[in-house]
Protein backbone atom coordinates (compact mmCIF):
# COMPACT_ATOMS: atom_id res chain seq x y z
CA MET A 1 82.89 -102.92 211.47
CA ALA A 2 80.95 -101.16 209.11
CA VAL A 3 79.11 -102.89 206.07
CA THR A 4 78.82 -101.25 202.93
CA VAL A 5 75.73 -100.72 201.66
CA ARG A 6 76.33 -103.33 198.39
CA GLU A 7 77.31 -106.04 201.23
CA LEU A 8 74.04 -105.68 202.64
CA GLU A 9 72.72 -106.16 199.64
CA ARG A 10 74.76 -109.32 198.67
CA ILE A 11 73.55 -111.45 202.03
CA ARG A 12 70.05 -110.29 201.32
CA ARG A 13 69.89 -111.55 198.57
CA ASP A 14 71.85 -115.02 199.16
CA GLY A 15 70.01 -115.30 201.68
CA LEU A 16 66.76 -114.78 199.73
CA LYS A 17 68.61 -117.12 197.12
CA ALA A 18 68.71 -120.31 199.90
CA LEU A 19 64.94 -119.51 201.83
CA LYS A 20 64.03 -120.10 198.44
CA GLU A 21 65.91 -123.08 197.08
CA GLU A 22 65.30 -124.74 201.00
CA LEU A 23 61.03 -123.39 201.11
CA GLY A 24 60.01 -123.57 197.60
CA VAL A 25 58.73 -119.85 197.09
CA GLU A 26 55.67 -120.15 198.80
CA GLY A 27 57.56 -120.84 202.04
CA MET A 28 59.76 -118.82 201.31
CA ILE A 29 56.97 -115.90 201.82
CA LYS A 30 56.14 -117.44 204.28
CA PHE A 31 59.43 -117.63 206.19
CA ILE A 32 59.38 -113.79 206.05
CA GLN A 33 55.64 -113.54 206.80
CA MET A 34 56.93 -114.34 210.36
CA TYR A 35 59.30 -112.10 210.75
CA SER A 36 57.79 -109.10 210.01
CA ASP A 37 55.75 -107.58 212.15
CA GLY A 38 56.29 -104.30 210.66
CA LYS A 39 57.68 -101.86 213.67
CA GLY A 40 59.67 -98.97 213.68
CA ASN A 41 60.03 -96.52 210.92
CA TYR A 42 60.93 -97.98 207.28
CA THR A 43 61.65 -94.44 206.23
CA GLU A 44 64.08 -93.18 208.44
CA GLU A 45 65.78 -96.27 208.50
CA ARG A 46 66.26 -96.77 205.02
CA ARG A 47 67.40 -93.16 204.64
CA GLU A 48 70.01 -94.35 207.39
CA ILE A 49 71.04 -96.91 205.61
CA LEU A 50 71.10 -95.29 201.55
CA LYS A 51 72.86 -92.03 203.15
CA ASP A 52 75.93 -92.85 201.65
CA LEU A 53 74.91 -94.30 197.73
CA ASN A 54 75.91 -92.13 195.25
CA LYS A 55 74.51 -92.29 192.04
CA LYS A 56 77.11 -94.42 190.37
CA GLU A 57 77.08 -97.20 192.86
CA LEU A 58 73.55 -97.23 192.01
CA GLN A 59 73.75 -97.59 189.16
CA ASP A 60 76.54 -100.87 188.77
CA PHE A 61 73.82 -102.26 191.27
CA LEU A 62 71.25 -101.38 188.71
CA ARG A 63 73.01 -103.41 185.83
CA GLU A 64 74.48 -105.56 187.86
CA GLU A 65 71.10 -107.16 188.83
CA LEU A 66 69.18 -106.19 185.86
CA ASN A 67 71.60 -108.62 183.62
């Protein structure tokens, strides 16, 4: 099952919201740091994730986030 960039972003946003509500900002940051081991190539992975994102989708996403 393919997951769209928009779906991944919603999952990320909902996850961060849940962590913040449950742990508070400091707890959320500490939790995320525990799982951020810094391995891999972020640039290559990001290009692969965003390769199908077009300008319209990006504009729509930014409008949603800024409102």
